[in-house]
Structure formats: structure tokens, C-alpha cells
């Protein structure tokens, strides 16, 4: 069976033989994942700082770069209201927290936990 280009879960039954697990949004696997997504987004929507475009969570500072980075794909997937603009601004903020000052440091290329936090 040829794999479709639709958004679906895939199962490899044999090498070079990929078939869709489900194309239906009524499939229990999809509805469970959607339920978890909706719950996660509701939690993070309540913690998203509209002014600074970070998730409010004290992670060596008042905001969390890590949790914001986890929230961005959800915003892009949902794409309602200001989601796209919030995701773009959050991505800019996340990238601004990448540690790129000292190439020889072991943490080079990683990210600060919070924009107000100390370098590692």
C-alpha cells in the first residue's frame, strides 16, 4: 500500500512497505493526541506573557526559554488569532538566548534557561 501525503500516523510493517495507521480523526490514537495537545495548549496559553512573548515560569528568571520553545510548535499548528505573530516573536526571543559568545565553551550553541538568567 502506498503511503498517502495526508497527515497521518505511519507504521512500518516491512522495510520499504509503509502504510497509514489511520486517516481518520475519529481514530482513538488521534483523539488521544488531540486531547493532550488541547490540554497542553490551554495550560501554556494561560502562562504566555503577551508583552514579552515568553512562557512565565521561573527557570532561573521569570520566564522560560525552554518552555517557550516547546509552546511555539503548538502555536504554529493551531494558527488562530495572534498565534502566528506570537510564534514569530517567540522564535526571535528564543534565538536571542542562544549562547554563541565563546566558541570554546562546552555550552556553546545551547540556550539560556531564562532571558534574565546567568550564562551557564
PDB file of N, CA and C in Angstrom:
ATOM      1  N   UNK A   1       0.850  -1.177   0.000  1.00  0.00           N
ATOM      2  CA  UNK A   1       0.000   0.000   0.000  1.00  0.00           C
ATOM      3  C   UNK A   1       0.892   1.236   0.000  1.00  0.00           C
ATOM      4  N   UNK A   2       0.599   2.173  -0.835  1.00  0.00           N
ATOM      5  CA  UNK A   2       1.343   3.416  -0.964  1.00  0.00           C
ATOM      6  C   UNK A   2       0.967   4.360   0.188  1.00  0.00           C
ATOM      7  N   UNK A   3       1.971   4.997   0.821  1.00  0.00           N
ATOM      8  CA  UNK A   3       1.688   5.967   1.889  1.00  0.00           C
ATOM      9  C   UNK A   3       1.105   7.235   1.287  1.00  0.00           C
ATOM     10  N   UNK A   4       0.050   7.724   1.879  1.00  0.00           N
ATOM     11  CA  UNK A   4      -0.548   8.958   1.372  1.00  0.00           C
ATOM     12  C   UNK A   4       0.225  10.153   1.906  1.00  0.00           C
ATOM     13  N   UNK A   5       0.027  11.319   1.296  1.00  0.00           N
ATOM     14  CA  UNK A   5       0.693  12.538   1.732  1.00  0.00           C
ATOM     15  C   UNK A   5      -0.120  13.287   2.780  1.00  0.00           C
ATOM     16  N   UNK A   6      -1.205  12.697   3.231  1.00  0.00           N
ATOM     17  CA  UNK A   6      -2.025  13.314   4.269  1.00  0.00           C
ATOM     18  C   UNK A   6      -1.285  13.248   5.606  1.00  0.00           C
ATOM     19  N   UNK A   7      -1.724  14.083   6.544  1.00  0.00           N
ATOM     20  CA  UNK A   7      -1.178  13.990   7.896  1.00  0.00           C
ATOM     21  C   UNK A   7      -1.747  12.742   8.543  1.00  0.00           C
ATOM     22  N   UNK A   8      -0.919  11.749   8.747  1.00  0.00           N
ATOM     23  CA  UNK A   8      -1.383  10.515   9.370  1.00  0.00           C
ATOM     24  C   UNK A   8      -0.215   9.860  10.083  1.00  0.00           C
ATOM     25  N   UNK A   9      -0.531   8.953  10.984  1.00  0.00           N
ATOM     26  CA  UNK A   9       0.489   8.163  11.643  1.00  0.00           C
ATOM     27  C   UNK A   9       0.900   7.045  10.705  1.00  0.00           C
ATOM     28  N   UNK A  10       2.202   6.741  10.702  1.00  0.00           N
ATOM     29  CA  UNK A  10       2.687   5.699   9.809  1.00  0.00           C
ATOM     30  C   UNK A  10       3.220   4.524  10.603  1.00  0.00           C
ATOM     31  N   UNK A  11       3.044   3.341  10.074  1.00  0.00           N
ATOM     32  CA  UNK A  11       3.577   2.129  10.676  1.00  0.00           C
ATOM     33  C   UNK A  11       4.404   1.410   9.627  1.00  0.00           C
ATOM     34  N   UNK A  12       5.619   1.042   9.970  1.00  0.00           N
ATOM     35  CA  UNK A  12       6.459   0.270   9.057  1.00  0.00           C
ATOM     36  C   UNK A  12       6.213  -1.209   9.353  1.00  0.00           C
ATOM     37  N   UNK A  13       5.596  -1.900   8.420  1.00  0.00           N
ATOM     38  CA  UNK A  13       5.329  -3.318   8.622  1.00  0.00           C
ATOM     39  C   UNK A  13       6.484  -4.160   8.100  1.00  0.00           C
ATOM     40  N   UNK A  14       7.099  -3.748   7.018  1.00  0.00           N
ATOM     41  CA  UNK A  14       8.278  -4.387   6.448  1.00  0.00           C
ATOM     42  C   UNK A  14       9.126  -3.287   5.839  1.00  0.00           C
ATOM     43  N   UNK A  15      10.416  -3.488   5.664  1.00  0.00           N
ATOM     44  CA  UNK A  15      11.221  -2.462   5.002  1.00  0.00           C
ATOM     45  C   UNK A  15      10.611  -2.100   3.653  1.00  0.00           C
ATOM     46  N   UNK A  16      10.623  -0.839   3.345  1.00  0.00           N
ATOM     47  CA  UNK A  16      10.075  -0.298   2.099  1.00  0.00           C
ATOM     48  C   UNK A  16       8.565  -0.505   1.956  1.00  0.00           C
ATOM     49  N   UNK A  17       7.890  -0.847   3.043  1.00  0.00           N
ATOM     50  CA  UNK A  17       6.438  -1.012   2.980  1.00  0.00           C
ATOM     51  C   UNK A  17       5.826  -0.199   4.111  1.00  0.00           C
ATOM     52  N   UNK A  18       5.464   1.034   3.826  1.00  0.00           N
ATOM     53  CA  UNK A  18       4.900   1.918   4.828  1.00  0.00           C
ATOM     54  C   UNK A  18       3.425   2.095   4.513  1.00  0.00           C
ATOM     55  N   UNK A  19       2.590   1.882   5.507  1.00  0.00           N
ATOM     56  CA  UNK A  19       1.169   2.076   5.285  1.00  0.00           C
ATOM     57  C   UNK A  19       0.576   2.941   6.392  1.00  0.00           C
ATOM     58  N   UNK A  20      -0.445   3.711   6.064  1.00  0.00           N
ATOM     59  CA  UNK A  20      -1.049   4.581   7.066  1.00  0.00           C
ATOM     60  C   UNK A  20      -1.715   3.772   8.171  1.00  0.00           C
ATOM     61  N   UNK A  21      -1.497   4.188   9.410  1.00  0.00           N
ATOM     62  CA  UNK A  21      -2.186   3.572  10.528  1.00  0.00           C
ATOM     63  C   UNK A  21      -3.632   4.036  10.553  1.00  0.00           C
ATOM     64  N   UNK A  22      -3.825   5.338  10.287  1.00  0.00           N
ATOM     65  CA  UNK A  22      -5.184   5.865  10.294  1.00  0.00           C
ATOM     66  C   UNK A  22      -5.236   7.165   9.517  1.00  0.00           C
ATOM     67  N   UNK A  23      -6.290   7.336   8.754  1.00  0.00           N
ATOM     68  CA  UNK A  23      -6.550   8.607   8.083  1.00  0.00           C
ATOM     69  C   UNK A  23      -7.715   9.319   8.745  1.00  0.00           C
ATOM     70  N   UNK A  24      -8.264   8.752   9.790  1.00  0.00           N
ATOM     71  CA  UNK A  24      -9.491   9.265  10.373  1.00  0.00           C
ATOM     72  C   UNK A  24      -9.229  10.031  11.661  1.00  0.00           C
ATOM     73  N   UNK A  25      -9.821  11.225  11.770  1.00  0.00           N
ATOM     74  CA  UNK A  25      -9.666  11.980  13.010  1.00  0.00           C
ATOM     75  C   UNK A  25     -10.521  11.392  14.128  1.00  0.00           C
ATOM     76  N   UNK A  26     -11.343  10.397  13.803  1.00  0.00           N
ATOM     77  CA  UNK A  26     -12.113   9.721  14.838  1.00  0.00           C
ATOM     78  C   UNK A  26     -11.342   8.544  15.429  1.00  0.00           C
ATOM     79  N   UNK A  27     -10.185   8.247  14.888  1.00  0.00           N
ATOM     80  CA  UNK A  27      -9.353   7.172  15.411  1.00  0.00           C
ATOM     81  C   UNK A  27      -8.951   7.496  16.852  1.00  0.00           C
ATOM     82  N   UNK A  28      -9.018   6.531  17.761  1.00  0.00           N
ATOM     83  CA  UNK A  28      -8.679   6.805  19.168  1.00  0.00           C
ATOM     84  C   UNK A  28      -7.264   7.349  19.364  1.00  0.00           C
ATOM     85  N   UNK A  29      -6.297   6.930  18.530  1.00  0.00           N
ATOM     86  CA  UNK A  29      -4.932   7.440  18.658  1.00  0.00           C
ATOM     87  C   UNK A  29      -4.899   8.938  18.376  1.00  0.00           C
ATOM     88  N   UNK A  30      -5.620   9.357  17.363  1.00  0.00           N
ATOM     89  CA  UNK A  30      -5.663  10.772  17.027  1.00  0.00           C
ATOM     90  C   UNK A  30      -6.375  11.567  18.116  1.00  0.00           C
ATOM     91  N   UNK A  31      -7.525  11.079  18.566  1.00  0.00           N
ATOM     92  CA  UNK A  31      -8.290  11.835  19.558  1.00  0.00           C
ATOM     93  C   UNK A  31      -7.544  11.931  20.877  1.00  0.00           C
ATOM     94  N   UNK A  32      -6.796  10.895  21.260  1.00  0.00           N
ATOM     95  CA  UNK A  32      -5.992  10.968  22.483  1.00  0.00           C
ATOM     96  C   UNK A  32      -4.897  12.013  22.342  1.00  0.00           C
ATOM     97  N   UNK A  33      -4.217  12.022  21.197  1.00  0.00           N
ATOM     98  CA  UNK A  33      -3.155  13.003  20.968  1.00  0.00           C
ATOM     99  C   UNK A  33      -3.726  14.414  20.915  1.00  0.00           C
ATOM    100  N   UNK A  34      -4.865  14.576  20.277  1.00  0.00           N
ATOM    101  CA  UNK A  34      -5.503  15.887  20.184  1.00  0.00           C
ATOM    102  C   UNK A  34      -5.934  16.378  21.560  1.00  0.00           C
ATOM    103  N   UNK A  35      -6.420  15.486  22.388  1.00  0.00           N
ATOM    104  CA  UNK A  35      -6.819  15.837  23.753  1.00  0.00           C
ATOM    105  C   UNK A  35      -5.610  16.321  24.557  1.00  0.00           C
ATOM    106  N   UNK A  36      -4.490  15.629  24.424  1.00  0.00           N
ATOM    107  CA  UNK A  36      -3.265  16.039  25.119  1.00  0.00           C
ATOM    108  C   UNK A  36      -2.773  17.386  24.592  1.00  0.00           C
ATOM    109  N   UNK A  37      -2.841  17.573  23.282  1.00  0.00           N
ATOM    110  CA  UNK A  37      -2.447  18.844  22.673  1.00  0.00           C
ATOM    111  C   UNK A  37      -3.319  19.980  23.210  1.00  0.00           C
ATOM    112  N   UNK A  38      -4.631  19.792  23.199  1.00  0.00           N
ATOM    113  CA  UNK A  38      -5.550  20.834  23.680  1.00  0.00           C
ATOM    114  C   UNK A  38      -5.281  21.182  25.140  1.00  0.00           C
ATOM    115  N   UNK A  39      -5.037  20.167  25.964  1.00  0.00           N
ATOM    116  CA  UNK A  39      -4.749  20.387  27.382  1.00  0.00           C
ATOM    117  C   UNK A  39      -3.445  21.169  27.555  1.00  0.00           C
ATOM    118  N   UNK A  40      -2.408  20.755  26.823  1.00  0.00           N
ATOM    119  CA  UNK A  40      -1.104  21.434  26.911  1.00  0.00           C
ATOM    120  C   UNK A  40      -1.198  22.888  26.458  1.00  0.00           C
ATOM    121  N   UNK A  41      -1.918  23.117  25.390  1.00  0.00           N
ATOM    122  CA  UNK A  41      -2.064  24.484  24.888  1.00  0.00           C
ATOM    123  C   UNK A  41      -2.849  25.354  25.871  1.00  0.00           C
ATOM    124  N   UNK A  42      -3.881  24.802  26.490  1.00  0.00           N
ATOM    125  CA  UNK A  42      -4.653  25.563  27.474  1.00  0.00           C
ATOM    126  C   UNK A  42      -3.773  25.976  28.651  1.00  0.00           C
ATOM    127  N   UNK A  43      -2.920  25.061  29.113  1.00  0.00           N
ATOM    128  CA  UNK A  43      -2.008  25.392  30.212  1.00  0.00           C
ATOM    129  C   UNK A  43      -1.041  26.497  29.808  1.00  0.00           C
ATOM    130  N   UNK A  44      -0.455  26.354  28.642  1.00  0.00           N
ATOM    131  CA  UNK A  44       0.547  27.327  28.209  1.00  0.00           C
ATOM    132  C   UNK A  44      -0.062  28.648  27.753  1.00  0.00           C
ATOM    133  N   UNK A  45      -1.278  28.622  27.219  1.00  0.00           N
ATOM    134  CA  UNK A  45      -1.951  29.873  26.875  1.00  0.00           C
ATOM    135  C   UNK A  45      -2.093  30.749  28.115  1.00  0.00           C
ATOM    136  N   UNK A  46      -2.419  30.127  29.230  1.00  0.00           N
ATOM    137  CA  UNK A  46      -2.597  30.872  30.477  1.00  0.00           C
ATOM    138  C   UNK A  46      -1.271  31.417  31.013  1.00  0.00           C
ATOM    139  N   UNK A  47      -0.158  30.772  30.664  1.00  0.00           N
ATOM    140  CA  UNK A  47       1.155  31.201  31.163  1.00  0.00           C
ATOM    141  C   UNK A  47       1.942  32.044  30.169  1.00  0.00           C
ATOM    142  N   UNK A  48       1.388  32.295  28.984  1.00  0.00           N
ATOM    143  CA  UNK A  48       2.123  33.046  27.966  1.00  0.00           C
ATOM    144  C   UNK A  48       2.040  34.538  28.256  1.00  0.00           C
ATOM    145  N   UNK A  49       3.195  35.175  28.351  1.00  0.00           N
ATOM    146  CA  UNK A  49       3.275  36.615  28.594  1.00  0.00           C
ATOM    147  C   UNK A  49       3.164  37.327  27.248  1.00  0.00           C
ATOM    148  N   UNK A  50       2.033  37.966  27.016  1.00  0.00           N
ATOM    149  CA  UNK A  50       1.764  38.638  25.742  1.00  0.00           C
ATOM    150  C   UNK A  50       2.711  39.808  25.476  1.00  0.00           C
ATOM    151  N   UNK A  51       3.256  40.394  26.526  1.00  0.00           N
ATOM    152  CA  UNK A  51       4.148  41.541  26.369  1.00  0.00           C
ATOM    153  C   UNK A  51       5.541  41.098  25.945  1.00  0.00           C
ATOM    154  N   UNK A  52       6.105  40.123  26.661  1.00  0.00           N
ATOM    155  CA  UNK A  52       7.478  39.704  26.404  1.00  0.00           C
ATOM    156  C   UNK A  52       7.583  38.489  25.483  1.00  0.00           C
ATOM    157  N   UNK A  53       6.479  37.817  25.227  1.00  0.00           N
ATOM    158  CA  UNK A  53       6.419  36.663  24.316  1.00  0.00           C
ATOM    159  C   UNK A  53       7.248  35.477  24.817  1.00  0.00           C
ATOM    160  N   UNK A  54       7.133  35.215  26.107  1.00  0.00           N
ATOM    161  CA  UNK A  54       7.736  34.047  26.753  1.00  0.00           C
ATOM    162  C   UNK A  54       6.685  33.377  27.623  1.00  0.00           C
ATOM    163  N   UNK A  55       6.887  32.092  27.911  1.00  0.00           N
ATOM    164  CA  UNK A  55       6.078  31.403  28.911  1.00  0.00           C
ATOM    165  C   UNK A  55       6.578  31.851  30.283  1.00  0.00           C
ATOM    166  N   UNK A  56       5.652  32.237  31.136  1.00  0.00           N
ATOM    167  CA  UNK A  56       6.012  32.633  32.503  1.00  0.00           C
ATOM    168  C   UNK A  56       6.222  31.363  33.315  1.00  0.00           C
ATOM    169  N   UNK A  57       7.465  31.155  33.727  1.00  0.00           N
ATOM    170  CA  UNK A  57       7.833  30.009  34.551  1.00  0.00           C
ATOM    171  C   UNK A  57       9.212  30.312  35.094  1.00  0.00           C
ATOM    172  N   UNK A  58       9.347  30.302  36.385  1.00  0.00           N
ATOM    173  CA  UNK A  58      10.625  30.672  36.986  1.00  0.00           C
ATOM    174  C   UNK A  58      11.656  29.572  36.759  1.00  0.00           C
ATOM    175  N   UNK A  59      12.518  29.819  35.812  1.00  0.00           N
ATOM    176  CA  UNK A  59      13.566  28.887  35.405  1.00  0.00           C
ATOM    177  C   UNK A  59      14.870  29.679  35.390  1.00  0.00           C
ATOM    178  N   UNK A  60      15.358  30.034  36.560  1.00  0.00           N
ATOM    179  CA  UNK A  60      16.496  30.947  36.729  1.00  0.00           C
ATOM    180  C   UNK A  60      16.145  32.356  36.265  1.00  0.00           C
ATOM    181  N   UNK A  61      14.903  32.718  36.359  1.00  0.00           N
ATOM    182  CA  UNK A  61      14.392  34.019  35.956  1.00  0.00           C
ATOM    183  C   UNK A  61      12.879  33.911  35.819  1.00  0.00           C
ATOM    184  N   UNK A  62      12.199  34.993  35.514  1.00  0.00           N
ATOM    185  CA  UNK A  62      10.729  34.948  35.489  1.00  0.00           C
ATOM    186  C   UNK A  62      10.124  34.243  34.274  1.00  0.00           C
ATOM    187  N   UNK A  63      10.893  34.026  33.218  1.00  0.00           N
ATOM    188  CA  UNK A  63      10.375  33.387  32.008  1.00  0.00           C
ATOM    189  C   UNK A  63      11.226  32.181  31.660  1.00  0.00           C
ATOM    190  N   UNK A  64      10.668  31.284  30.874  1.00  0.00           N
ATOM    191  CA  UNK A  64      11.389  30.081  30.469  1.00  0.00           C
ATOM    192  C   UNK A  64      11.576  30.039  28.959  1.00  0.00           C
ATOM    193  N   UNK A  65      12.823  30.039  28.538  1.00  0.00           N
ATOM    194  CA  UNK A  65      13.140  29.903  27.117  1.00  0.00           C
ATOM    195  C   UNK A  65      12.763  28.495  26.649  1.00  0.00           C
ATOM    196  N   UNK A  66      13.060  27.501  27.461  1.00  0.00           N
ATOM    197  CA  UNK A  66      12.781  26.101  27.107  1.00  0.00           C
ATOM    198  C   UNK A  66      11.281  25.868  26.915  1.00  0.00           C
ATOM    199  N   UNK A  67      10.462  26.281  27.877  1.00  0.00           N
ATOM    200  CA  UNK A  67       9.024  26.059  27.755  1.00  0.00           C
ATOM    201  C   UNK A  67       8.433  26.868  26.612  1.00  0.00           C
ATOM    202  N   UNK A  68       8.987  28.037  26.357  1.00  0.00           N
ATOM    203  CA  UNK A  68       8.535  28.835  25.214  1.00  0.00           C
ATOM    204  C   UNK A  68       8.832  28.096  23.913  1.00  0.00           C
ATOM    205  N   UNK A  69      10.002  27.464  23.836  1.00  0.00           N
ATOM    206  CA  UNK A  69      10.356  26.727  22.614  1.00  0.00           C
ATOM    207  C   UNK A  69       9.444  25.523  22.415  1.00  0.00           C
ATOM    208  N   UNK A  70       8.949  24.947  23.476  1.00  0.00           N
ATOM    209  CA  UNK A  70       8.016  23.826  23.354  1.00  0.00           C
ATOM    210  C   UNK A  70       6.622  24.309  22.953  1.00  0.00           C
ATOM    211  N   UNK A  71       6.288  25.539  23.300  1.00  0.00           N
ATOM    212  CA  UNK A  71       4.969  26.109  23.025  1.00  0.00           C
ATOM    213  C   UNK A  71       4.827  26.569  21.573  1.00  0.00           C
ATOM    214  N   UNK A  72       5.924  27.010  20.978  1.00  0.00           N
ATOM    215  CA  UNK A  72       5.892  27.565  19.618  1.00  0.00           C
ATOM    216  C   UNK A  72       5.316  26.592  18.580  1.00  0.00           C
ATOM    217  N   UNK A  73       5.713  25.314  18.542  1.00  0.00           N
ATOM    218  CA  UNK A  73       5.106  24.422  17.537  1.00  0.00           C
ATOM    219  C   UNK A  73       3.585  24.313  17.690  1.00  0.00           C
ATOM    220  N   UNK A  74       3.111  24.366  18.918  1.00  0.00           N
ATOM    221  CA  UNK A  74       1.665  24.331  19.150  1.00  0.00           C
ATOM    222  C   UNK A  74       0.974  25.554  18.586  1.00  0.00           C
ATOM    223  N   UNK A  75       1.612  26.714  18.756  1.00  0.00           N
ATOM    224  CA  UNK A  75       1.052  27.941  18.189  1.00  0.00           C
ATOM    225  C   UNK A  75       1.001  27.847  16.665  1.00  0.00           C
ATOM    226  N   UNK A  76       2.063  27.349  16.066  1.00  0.00           N
ATOM    227  CA  UNK A  76       2.113  27.234  14.612  1.00  0.00           C
ATOM    228  C   UNK A  76       1.085  26.228  14.094  1.00  0.00           C
ATOM    229  N   UNK A  77       0.880  25.148  14.838  1.00  0.00           N
ATOM    230  CA  UNK A  77      -0.100  24.151  14.428  1.00  0.00           C
ATOM    231  C   UNK A  77      -1.523  24.704  14.530  1.00  0.00           C
ATOM    232  N   UNK A  78      -1.810  25.383  15.641  1.00  0.00           N
ATOM    233  CA  UNK A  78      -3.163  25.909  15.852  1.00  0.00           C
ATOM    234  C   UNK A  78      -3.469  27.067  14.900  1.00  0.00           C
ATOM    235  N   UNK A  79      -2.549  28.012  14.780  1.00  0.00           N
ATOM    236  CA  UNK A  79      -2.633  29.126  13.828  1.00  0.00           C
ATOM    237  C   UNK A  79      -3.992  29.838  13.852  1.00  0.00           C
ATOM    238  N   UNK A  80      -4.396  30.271  15.016  1.00  0.00           N
ATOM    239  CA  UNK A  80      -5.641  31.027  15.172  1.00  0.00           C
ATOM    240  C   UNK A  80      -5.321  32.380  15.795  1.00  0.00           C
ATOM    241  N   UNK A  81      -6.073  33.395  15.463  1.00  0.00           N
ATOM    242  CA  UNK A  81      -5.897  34.713  16.085  1.00  0.00           C
ATOM    243  C   UNK A  81      -4.478  35.228  15.910  1.00  0.00           C
ATOM    244  N   UNK A  82      -3.809  35.527  17.020  1.00  0.00           N
ATOM    245  CA  UNK A  82      -2.439  36.062  17.008  1.00  0.00           C
ATOM    246  C   UNK A  82      -1.378  34.976  17.113  1.00  0.00           C
ATOM    247  N   UNK A  83      -1.753  33.713  16.948  1.00  0.00           N
ATOM    248  CA  UNK A  83      -0.799  32.613  17.140  1.00  0.00           C
ATOM    249  C   UNK A  83       0.448  32.755  16.277  1.00  0.00           C
ATOM    250  N   UNK A  84       0.283  33.066  15.006  1.00  0.00           N
ATOM    251  CA  UNK A  84       1.434  33.162  14.105  1.00  0.00           C
ATOM    252  C   UNK A  84       2.365  34.298  14.513  1.00  0.00           C
ATOM    253  N   UNK A  85       1.817  35.471  14.816  1.00  0.00           N
ATOM    254  CA  UNK A  85       2.646  36.598  15.245  1.00  0.00           C
ATOM    255  C   UNK A  85       3.340  36.298  16.574  1.00  0.00           C
ATOM    256  N   UNK A  86       2.623  35.677  17.505  1.00  0.00           N
ATOM    257  CA  UNK A  86       3.236  35.315  18.784  1.00  0.00           C
ATOM    258  C   UNK A  86       4.355  34.303  18.588  1.00  0.00           C
ATOM    259  N   UNK A  87       4.142  33.334  17.701  1.00  0.00           N
ATOM    260  CA  UNK A  87       5.176  32.330  17.440  1.00  0.00           C
ATOM    261  C   UNK A  87       6.415  32.962  16.820  1.00  0.00           C
ATOM    262  N   UNK A  88       6.218  33.864  15.860  1.00  0.00           N
ATOM    263  CA  UNK A  88       7.368  34.532  15.227  1.00  0.00           C
ATOM    264  C   UNK A  88       8.179  35.316  16.250  1.00  0.00           C
ATOM    265  N   UNK A  89       7.495  36.090  17.089  1.00  0.00           N
ATOM    266  CA  UNK A  89       8.208  36.879  18.090  1.00  0.00           C
ATOM    267  C   UNK A  89       8.880  35.985  19.129  1.00  0.00           C
ATOM    268  N   UNK A  90       8.226  34.897  19.496  1.00  0.00           N
ATOM    269  CA  UNK A  90       8.827  33.968  20.449  1.00  0.00           C
ATOM    270  C   UNK A  90      10.076  33.313  19.858  1.00  0.00           C
ATOM    271  N   UNK A  91      10.037  32.967  18.573  1.00  0.00           N
ATOM    272  CA  UNK A  91      11.213  32.366  17.930  1.00  0.00           C
ATOM    273  C   UNK A  91      12.383  33.348  17.940  1.00  0.00           C
ATOM    274  N   UNK A  92      12.116  34.603  17.637  1.00  0.00           N
ATOM    275  CA  UNK A  92      13.174  35.626  17.689  1.00  0.00           C
ATOM    276  C   UNK A  92      13.748  35.696  19.099  1.00  0.00           C
ATOM    277  N   UNK A  93      12.876  35.675  20.109  1.00  0.00           N
ATOM    278  CA  UNK A  93      13.335  35.719  21.504  1.00  0.00           C
ATOM    279  C   UNK A  93      14.165  34.492  21.863  1.00  0.00           C
ATOM    280  N   UNK A  94      13.714  33.338  21.445  1.00  0.00           N
ATOM    281  CA  UNK A  94      14.440  32.093  21.745  1.00  0.00           C
ATOM    282  C   UNK A  94      15.839  32.153  21.148  1.00  0.00           C
ATOM    283  N   UNK A  95      15.927  32.532  19.876  1.00  0.00           N
ATOM    284  CA  UNK A  95      17.238  32.592  19.204  1.00  0.00           C
ATOM    285  C   UNK A  95      18.152  33.645  19.825  1.00  0.00           C
ATOM    286  N   UNK A  96      17.571  34.700  20.383  1.00  0.00           N
ATOM    287  CA  UNK A  96      18.381  35.728  21.045  1.00  0.00           C
ATOM    288  C   UNK A  96      19.030  35.198  22.320  1.00  0.00           C
ATOM    289  N   UNK A  97      18.562  34.066  22.816  1.00  0.00           N
ATOM    290  CA  UNK A  97      19.107  33.484  24.044  1.00  0.00           C
ATOM    291  C   UNK A  97      20.079  32.340  23.788  1.00  0.00           C
ATOM    292  N   UNK A  98      20.457  32.152  22.530  1.00  0.00           N
ATOM    293  CA  UNK A  98      21.441  31.119  22.232  1.00  0.00           C
ATOM    294  C   UNK A  98      22.827  31.624  22.623  1.00  0.00           C
ATOM    295  N   UNK A  99      23.588  30.759  23.273  1.00  0.00           N
ATOM    296  CA  UNK A  99      24.927  31.131  23.740  1.00  0.00           C
ATOM    297  C   UNK A  99      25.938  30.918  22.616  1.00  0.00           C
ATOM    298  N   UNK A 100      26.384  32.028  22.024  1.00  0.00           N
ATOM    299  CA  UNK A 100      27.301  31.954  20.887  1.00  0.00           C
ATOM    300  C   UNK A 100      28.525  32.849  21.071  1.00  0.00           C
ATOM    301  N   UNK A 101      28.748  33.334  22.282  1.00  0.00           N
ATOM    302  CA  UNK A 101      29.860  34.261  22.526  1.00  0.00           C
ATOM    303  C   UNK A 101      31.226  33.580  22.572  1.00  0.00           C
ATOM    304  N   UNK A 102      31.287  32.387  23.152  1.00  0.00           N
ATOM    305  CA  UNK A 102      32.568  31.728  23.376  1.00  0.00           C
ATOM    306  C   UNK A 102      32.556  30.358  22.708  1.00  0.00           C
ATOM    307  N   UNK A 103      33.179  30.289  21.537  1.00  0.00           N
ATOM    308  CA  UNK A 103      33.175  29.061  20.750  1.00  0.00           C
ATOM    309  C   UNK A 103      33.816  27.885  21.485  1.00  0.00           C
ATOM    310  N   UNK A 104      34.758  28.144  22.381  1.00  0.00           N
ATOM    311  CA  UNK A 104      35.451  27.057  23.077  1.00  0.00           C
ATOM    312  C   UNK A 104      34.704  26.578  24.321  1.00  0.00           C
ATOM    313  N   UNK A 105      33.665  27.272  24.719  1.00  0.00           N
ATOM    314  CA  UNK A 105      32.911  26.871  25.913  1.00  0.00           C
ATOM    315  C   UNK A 105      32.108  25.596  25.626  1.00  0.00           C
ATOM    316  N   UNK A 106      31.986  24.721  26.609  1.00  0.00           N
ATOM    317  CA  UNK A 106      31.237  23.483  26.383  1.00  0.00           C
ATOM    318  C   UNK A 106      29.748  23.720  26.127  1.00  0.00           C
ATOM    319  N   UNK A 107      29.216  24.852  26.520  1.00  0.00           N
ATOM    320  CA  UNK A 107      27.793  25.153  26.329  1.00  0.00           C
ATOM    321  C   UNK A 107      27.531  25.983  25.075  1.00  0.00           C
ATOM    322  N   UNK A 108      28.556  26.180  24.262  1.00  0.00           N
ATOM    323  CA  UNK A 108      28.392  26.951  23.025  1.00  0.00           C
ATOM    324  C   UNK A 108      27.266  26.348  22.176  1.00  0.00           C
ATOM    325  N   UNK A 109      26.352  27.184  21.728  1.00  0.00           N
ATOM    326  CA  UNK A 109      25.250  26.739  20.883  1.00  0.00           C
ATOM    327  C   UNK A 109      24.001  26.349  21.647  1.00  0.00           C
ATOM    328  N   UNK A 110      24.115  26.185  22.968  1.00  0.00           N
ATOM    329  CA  UNK A 110      22.931  25.873  23.765  1.00  0.00           C
ATOM    330  C   UNK A 110      22.218  27.171  24.118  1.00  0.00           C
ATOM    331  N   UNK A 111      21.205  27.092  24.938  1.00  0.00           N
ATOM    332  CA  UNK A 111      20.371  28.255  25.243  1.00  0.00           C
ATOM    333  C   UNK A 111      20.324  28.516  26.742  1.00  0.00           C
ATOM    334  N   UNK A 112      20.206  29.794  27.091  1.00  0.00           N
ATOM    335  CA  UNK A 112      19.977  30.156  28.473  1.00  0.00           C
ATOM    336  C   UNK A 112      18.617  29.606  28.887  1.00  0.00           C
ATOM    337  N   UNK A 113      18.442  29.325  30.187  1.00  0.00           N
ATOM    338  CA  UNK A 113      17.151  28.854  30.669  1.00  0.00           C
ATOM    339  C   UNK A 113      16.122  29.974  30.679  1.00  0.00           C
ATOM    340  N   UNK A 114      16.594  31.180  30.998  1.00  0.00           N
ATOM    341  CA  UNK A 114      15.712  32.346  31.073  1.00  0.00           C
ATOM    342  C   UNK A 114      16.451  33.531  30.479  1.00  0.00           C
ATOM    343  N   UNK A 115      15.736  34.458  29.851  1.00  0.00           N
ATOM    344  CA  UNK A 115      16.428  35.615  29.268  1.00  0.00           C
ATOM    345  C   UNK A 115      17.136  36.466  30.319  1.00  0.00           C
ATOM    346  N   UNK A 116      16.654  36.441  31.551  1.00  0.00           N
ATOM    347  CA  UNK A 116      17.286  37.196  32.633  1.00  0.00           C
ATOM    348  C   UNK A 116      18.296  36.366  33.401  1.00  0.00           C
ATOM    349  N   UNK A 117      18.409  35.093  33.051  1.00  0.00           N
ATOM    350  CA  UNK A 117      19.279  34.183  33.785  1.00  0.00           C
ATOM    351  C   UNK A 117      20.744  34.391  33.442  1.00  0.00           C
ATOM    352  N   UNK A 118      21.554  33.839  34.288  1.00  0.00           N
ATOM    353  CA  UNK A 118      23.004  33.895  34.086  1.00  0.00           C
ATOM    354  C   UNK A 118      23.396  32.973  32.941  1.00  0.00           C
ATOM    355  N   UNK A 119      24.530  33.320  32.330  1.00  0.00           N
ATOM    356  CA  UNK A 119      25.107  32.351  31.391  1.00  0.00           C
ATOM    357  C   UNK A 119      25.505  31.143  32.200  1.00  0.00           C
ATOM    358  N   UNK A 120      25.576  30.023  31.579  1.00  0.00           N
ATOM    359  CA  UNK A 120      25.885  28.775  32.286  1.00  0.00           C
ATOM    360  C   UNK A 120      27.218  28.861  32.976  1.00  0.00           C
TER     361      UNK A 120
END
